[in-house]
Amino acid sequence: MDGLSGQTWAITGAAGRIGSDLRQALAGDGVRLVSVDVAPVQPVHDGEQVHRLDVADVADLDGLARALTGCDGVVHLAGIPDEADFHDLAEINIVGTYHALEAARRAEVPRLVLASSNRVTGCYDVATTVDPGVPPRPDGFYGVSKVAGEALCRLYVDKFGLRTVALRIGSYEERPVSARHARTWLSRDDAARAFRAAMTADVRFAVCYAVSANRELWWDLADGRALGFEPVDDAGDLVPLTPIPPGTPQGGEFATPGYSLERMHRR
């Protein structure tokens, strides 16, 4: 891809599912990769730089700043990817996002793409079409941590001049398997399209939903299309579009009290 070819991008959480898939896609675009994680990272090309940090990659601010030096941008994927105790989410997802942004500022990296989540609006009803401009209604403490991450991105744009894009990622699965996935699925290829758009769009700040072109959607994709994100895949080709009754939160099980309470260990 011409807009990314020859650029150097850091990926935090590089060993995770999205990180591993995205690195493969970006390597094919001619992007030089700097992969950062606390877990082992298997390079996808000979020139990839791997920074394995001694502590959680988002907790080591100095190490992050060193790893980001000379990069054109950073994709911040590192963090707890689901509901957990709020203390852990605050430490890893909220403080970790601050560290990624602050490391980018210190290293004079001009752009950061944040992996946010559709679950920042998971308490909206399935009968409601949601766009990024509506107030957040997170379906759990994980969603709250992503709301905070988006706010930190806005602050670093307004106060320090970084460029940031927050992608509210849908259900990133190999294939959709549920009625909810029929509306929220994000395919591997469409995820790569969303990240490429976020990495190249000429914007100071944006928030958009990263979801495939499913036949029924709960989220308005206009903001993503304004960045150049055009999803292609459709969950309806793989799973029936089973009705979900109005009054059901978009987060489904994630929005139930038990889903959060069962994952709280410091009460």
Protein backbone atom coordinates (compact mmCIF):
# COMPACT_ATOMS: atom_id res chain seq x y z
CA MET A 1 0.00 0.00 0.00
CA ASP A 2 1.59 3.24 -1.15
CA GLY A 3 0.59 5.24 1.94
CA LEU A 4 2.39 2.83 4.28
CA SER A 5 5.17 1.33 2.19
CA GLY A 6 8.55 2.18 3.64
CA GLN A 7 7.12 3.52 6.90
CA THR A 8 8.08 2.17 10.32
CA TRP A 9 5.24 1.29 12.67
CA ALA A 10 5.35 -0.06 16.20
CA ILE A 11 2.74 -2.57 17.33
CA THR A 12 2.16 -3.01 21.07
CA GLY A 13 0.60 -6.32 22.04
CA ALA A 14 2.22 -7.68 18.90
CA ALA A 15 1.96 -11.33 19.98
CA GLY A 16 -1.84 -11.25 20.34
CA ARG A 17 -4.38 -12.45 17.78
CA ILE A 18 -5.00 -9.08 16.16
CA GLY A 19 -1.35 -8.11 16.47
CA SER A 20 -0.13 -11.29 14.79
CA ASP A 21 -2.64 -11.02 11.93
CA LEU A 22 -2.05 -7.31 11.43
CA ARG A 23 1.72 -7.73 11.32
CA GLN A 24 1.33 -10.29 8.54
CA ALA A 25 -0.85 -7.89 6.57
CA LEU A 26 1.42 -4.88 7.08
CA ALA A 27 4.54 -6.85 6.19
CA GLY A 28 2.91 -7.47 2.82
CA ASP A 29 2.41 -3.71 2.46
CA GLY A 30 6.12 -3.05 2.84
CA VAL A 31 5.86 -1.66 6.38
CA ARG A 32 8.89 -1.91 8.64
CA LEU A 33 7.66 -3.37 11.92
CA VAL A 34 8.71 -2.74 15.50
CA SER A 35 6.91 -5.36 17.57
CA VAL A 36 6.56 -4.83 21.31
CA ASP A 37 5.20 -7.32 23.82
CA VAL A 38 5.94 -9.03 27.12
CA ALA A 39 5.25 -12.36 25.39
CA PRO A 40 7.51 -13.94 22.76
CA VAL A 41 6.98 -12.55 19.25
CA GLN A 42 7.72 -14.58 16.16
CA PRO A 43 8.91 -12.13 13.46
CA VAL A 44 6.97 -12.15 10.21
CA HIS A 45 9.89 -10.85 8.13
CA ASP A 46 13.66 -10.64 8.50
CA GLY A 47 13.76 -6.91 9.14
CA GLU A 48 11.21 -6.87 11.95
CA GLN A 49 12.52 -5.48 15.24
CA VAL A 50 11.22 -7.25 18.34
CA HIS A 51 11.26 -5.62 21.77
CA ARG A 52 10.38 -8.08 24.50
CA LEU A 53 10.02 -6.10 27.71
CA ASP A 54 10.67 -7.48 31.18
CA VAL A 55 7.37 -6.19 32.56
CA ALA A 56 3.97 -5.77 30.93
CA ASP A 57 4.76 -3.89 27.76
CA VAL A 58 2.32 -1.12 28.60
CA ALA A 59 3.78 -0.66 32.10
CA ASP A 60 7.35 0.11 31.00
CA LEU A 61 7.14 3.75 29.91
CA ASP A 62 10.87 4.20 29.40
CA GLY A 63 11.15 0.95 27.46
CA LEU A 64 8.22 1.91 25.29
CA ALA A 65 9.70 5.30 24.51
CA ARG A 66 12.97 3.67 23.45
CA ALA A 67 11.14 1.13 21.29
CA LEU A 68 9.10 3.83 19.54
CA THR A 69 12.04 6.07 18.68
CA GLY A 70 12.21 6.62 14.93
CA CYS A 71 8.72 5.22 14.22
CA ASP A 72 6.15 6.89 11.98
CA GLY A 73 3.31 5.68 14.20
CA VAL A 74 2.17 3.15 16.75
CA VAL A 75 -0.79 0.80 16.81
CA HIS A 76 -1.68 0.29 20.45
CA LEU A 77 -3.20 -3.18 20.86
CA ALA A 78 -1.74 -4.17 24.23
CA GLY A 79 -4.12 -4.60 27.13
CA ILE A 80 -6.62 -6.88 28.83
CA PRO A 81 -9.04 -7.82 26.02
CA ASP A 82 -12.17 -8.62 28.04
CA GLU A 83 -13.96 -7.99 31.30
CA ALA A 84 -11.75 -8.27 34.38
CA ASP A 85 -11.33 -6.77 37.80
CA PHE A 86 -11.44 -3.00 37.48
CA HIS A 87 -8.15 -2.50 39.31
CA ASP A 88 -6.37 -4.62 36.68
CA LEU A 89 -8.17 -2.90 33.83
CA ALA A 90 -7.24 0.50 35.21
CA GLU A 91 -3.58 -0.48 35.54
CA ILE A 92 -3.19 -2.19 32.17
CA ASN A 93 -5.78 -0.61 29.87
CA ILE A 94 -6.04 2.94 31.19
CA VAL A 95 -2.55 3.60 32.56
CA GLY A 96 -1.15 1.47 29.74
CA THR A 97 -2.82 3.64 27.12
CA TYR A 98 -1.45 6.73 28.85
CA HIS A 99 2.02 5.15 28.70
CA ALA A 100 1.65 4.41 24.98
CA LEU A 101 0.59 7.98 24.26
CA GLU A 102 3.23 9.50 26.50
CA ALA A 103 5.92 7.27 25.01
CA ALA A 104 4.83 8.41 21.56
CA ARG A 105 5.04 12.04 22.67
CA ARG A 106 8.51 11.59 24.16
CA ALA A 107 9.75 9.73 21.10
CA GLU A 108 8.19 12.35 18.78
CA VAL A 109 6.02 9.75 17.08
CA PRO A 110 3.26 11.73 15.31
CA ARG A 111 0.38 9.23 15.22
CA LEU A 112 -1.25 6.57 17.39
CA VAL A 113 -4.05 4.18 16.49
CA LEU A 114 -5.92 2.84 19.52
CA ALA A 115 -7.66 -0.51 19.60
CA SER A 116 -10.86 0.55 21.32
CA SER A 117 -13.99 -1.61 21.47
CA ASN A 118 -17.62 -1.72 20.43
CA ARG A 119 -18.32 -2.40 24.07
CA VAL A 120 -18.02 1.28 24.94
CA THR A 121 -21.64 1.45 23.72
CA GLY A 122 -22.78 -2.07 24.62
CA CYS A 123 -25.68 -0.93 26.82
CA TYR A 124 -27.53 0.68 23.92
CA ASP A 125 -30.58 -1.24 22.75
CA VAL A 126 -30.29 -3.45 19.67
CA ALA A 127 -33.07 -1.34 18.11
CA THR A 128 -30.78 1.74 18.20
CA THR A 129 -28.26 2.62 15.51
CA VAL A 130 -25.23 4.05 17.30
CA ASP A 131 -22.63 6.45 15.93
CA PRO A 132 -19.41 7.59 17.61
CA GLY A 133 -20.97 10.92 18.56
CA VAL A 134 -23.47 9.53 21.06
CA PRO A 135 -22.59 9.36 24.79
CA PRO A 136 -20.76 6.19 25.83
CA ARG A 137 -22.83 3.47 27.51
CA PRO A 138 -20.24 0.78 28.30
CA ASP A 139 -21.48 -2.72 29.03
CA GLY A 140 -18.85 -3.38 31.73
CA PHE A 141 -15.64 -2.24 33.35
CA TYR A 142 -13.70 -3.28 30.23
CA GLY A 143 -15.82 -0.88 28.20
CA VAL A 144 -15.17 1.84 30.78
CA SER A 145 -11.42 1.33 30.35
CA LYS A 146 -11.80 1.86 26.60
CA VAL A 147 -13.86 5.02 27.13
CA ALA A 148 -10.97 6.32 29.21
CA GLY A 149 -8.51 5.35 26.48
CA GLU A 150 -10.47 7.31 23.89
CA ALA A 151 -10.54 10.33 26.20
CA LEU A 152 -6.77 10.12 26.66
CA CYS A 153 -6.36 10.09 22.89
CA ARG A 154 -8.49 13.23 22.61
CA LEU A 155 -6.37 14.92 25.30
CA TYR A 156 -3.09 14.10 23.54
CA VAL A 157 -4.47 15.52 20.32
CA ASP A 158 -5.69 18.76 21.90
CA LYS A 159 -2.84 19.33 24.33
CA PHE A 160 0.21 17.80 22.64
CA GLY A 161 -0.61 17.74 18.94
CA LEU A 162 -0.54 13.97 18.34
CA ARG A 163 -2.82 12.52 15.68
CA THR A 164 -4.95 9.67 16.97
CA VAL A 165 -7.66 7.35 15.66
CA ALA A 166 -9.64 5.05 17.94
CA LEU A 167 -11.09 1.97 16.26
CA ARG A 168 -14.05 0.47 18.09
CA ILE A 169 -13.36 -3.10 17.12
CA GLY A 170 -16.25 -5.51 16.56
CA SER A 171 -16.28 -9.24 17.28
CA TYR A 172 -12.90 -10.32 15.93
CA GLU A 173 -13.43 -14.01 15.24
CA GLU A 174 -12.31 -16.47 12.58
CA ARG A 175 -15.98 -16.79 11.64
CA PRO A 176 -19.26 -15.61 13.21
CA VAL A 177 -21.06 -18.20 15.33
CA SER A 178 -23.94 -16.36 17.04
CA ALA A 179 -26.87 -14.04 16.40
CA ARG A 180 -24.86 -11.20 17.93
CA HIS A 181 -21.87 -11.94 15.69
CA ALA A 182 -24.18 -11.61 12.68
CA ARG A 183 -24.30 -7.90 13.53
CA THR A 184 -20.88 -7.33 15.13
CA TRP A 185 -18.42 -9.59 13.29
CA LEU A 186 -15.11 -8.14 12.09
CA SER A 187 -13.25 -10.38 9.70
CA ARG A 188 -9.48 -10.63 9.57
CA ASP A 189 -9.30 -8.92 6.18
CA ASP A 190 -11.69 -6.12 7.16
CA ALA A 191 -9.70 -5.55 10.35
CA ALA A 192 -6.59 -5.00 8.23
CA ARG A 193 -8.57 -2.57 6.05
CA ALA A 194 -9.71 -0.64 9.12
CA PHE A 195 -6.22 -0.35 10.56
CA ARG A 196 -4.72 0.70 7.22
CA ALA A 197 -7.33 3.45 6.92
CA ALA A 198 -6.67 4.64 10.48
CA MET A 199 -2.92 4.61 9.87
CA THR A 200 -3.08 6.69 6.69
CA ALA A 201 -6.09 9.03 7.00
CA ASP A 202 -5.35 12.74 7.07
CA VAL A 203 -7.12 13.51 10.35
CA ARG A 204 -6.15 14.87 13.75
CA PHE A 205 -8.62 12.82 15.75
CA ALA A 206 -11.31 10.31 14.89
CA VAL A 207 -13.35 7.52 16.45
CA CYS A 208 -15.04 4.93 14.28
CA TYR A 209 -16.45 1.42 14.40
CA ALA A 210 -14.39 -1.33 12.82
CA VAL A 211 -16.92 -3.95 11.73
CA SER A 212 -17.49 -5.95 8.59
CA ALA A 213 -20.18 -5.10 6.01
CA ASN A 214 -22.78 -7.25 7.76
CA ARG A 215 -26.34 -7.19 6.44
CA GLU A 216 -27.67 -5.83 9.70
CA LEU A 217 -25.54 -3.40 11.68
CA TRP A 218 -26.02 -1.61 14.99
CA TRP A 219 -23.32 0.97 14.28
CA ASP A 220 -23.12 3.79 11.77
CA LEU A 221 -20.05 3.37 9.54
CA ALA A 222 -19.97 6.89 8.10
CA ASP A 223 -17.04 7.97 10.26
CA GLY A 224 -15.01 4.95 9.18
CA ARG A 225 -15.81 5.52 5.53
CA ALA A 226 -14.65 9.12 5.92
CA LEU A 227 -11.25 7.68 6.86
CA GLY A 228 -11.27 5.41 3.80
CA PHE A 229 -12.42 2.22 5.54
CA GLU A 230 -14.65 0.17 3.23
CA PRO A 231 -15.47 -3.24 4.72
CA VAL A 232 -16.16 -6.10 2.34
CA ASP A 233 -17.05 -9.27 4.24
CA ASP A 234 -20.56 -10.12 5.49
CA ALA A 235 -21.38 -12.36 8.44
CA GLY A 236 -24.69 -13.15 6.73
CA ASP A 237 -22.78 -15.34 4.29
CA LEU A 238 -21.72 -17.55 7.19
CA VAL A 239 -24.39 -17.44 9.90
CA PRO A 240 -28.21 -16.95 9.86
CA LEU A 241 -29.52 -13.50 10.77
CA THR A 242 -31.57 -14.71 13.72
CA PRO A 243 -33.84 -11.99 15.19
CA ILE A 244 -32.82 -10.37 18.48
CA PRO A 245 -35.77 -8.79 20.35
CA PRO A 246 -35.80 -5.04 21.09
CA GLY A 247 -34.91 -4.34 24.68
CA THR A 248 -31.77 -6.49 24.41
CA PRO A 249 -28.51 -4.59 24.99
CA GLN A 250 -26.07 -4.67 22.10
CA GLY A 251 -23.46 -6.13 24.44
CA GLY A 252 -25.60 -9.22 24.98
CA GLU A 253 -24.09 -11.40 27.70
CA PHE A 254 -21.35 -8.81 28.27
CA ALA A 255 -24.00 -6.39 29.58
CA THR A 256 -25.36 -8.75 32.27
CA PRO A 257 -24.43 -8.09 35.92
CA GLY A 258 -23.06 -11.59 36.33
CA TYR A 259 -20.54 -11.19 33.54
CA SER A 260 -18.80 -8.42 35.49
CA LEU A 261 -19.35 -9.75 39.01
CA GLU A 262 -17.86 -13.15 38.19
CA ARG A 263 -14.64 -11.47 37.05
CA MET A 264 -14.15 -9.20 40.06
CA HIS A 265 -11.55 -10.54 42.47
CA ARG A 266 -10.70 -7.42 44.52
CA ARG A 267 -14.04 -6.39 46.04
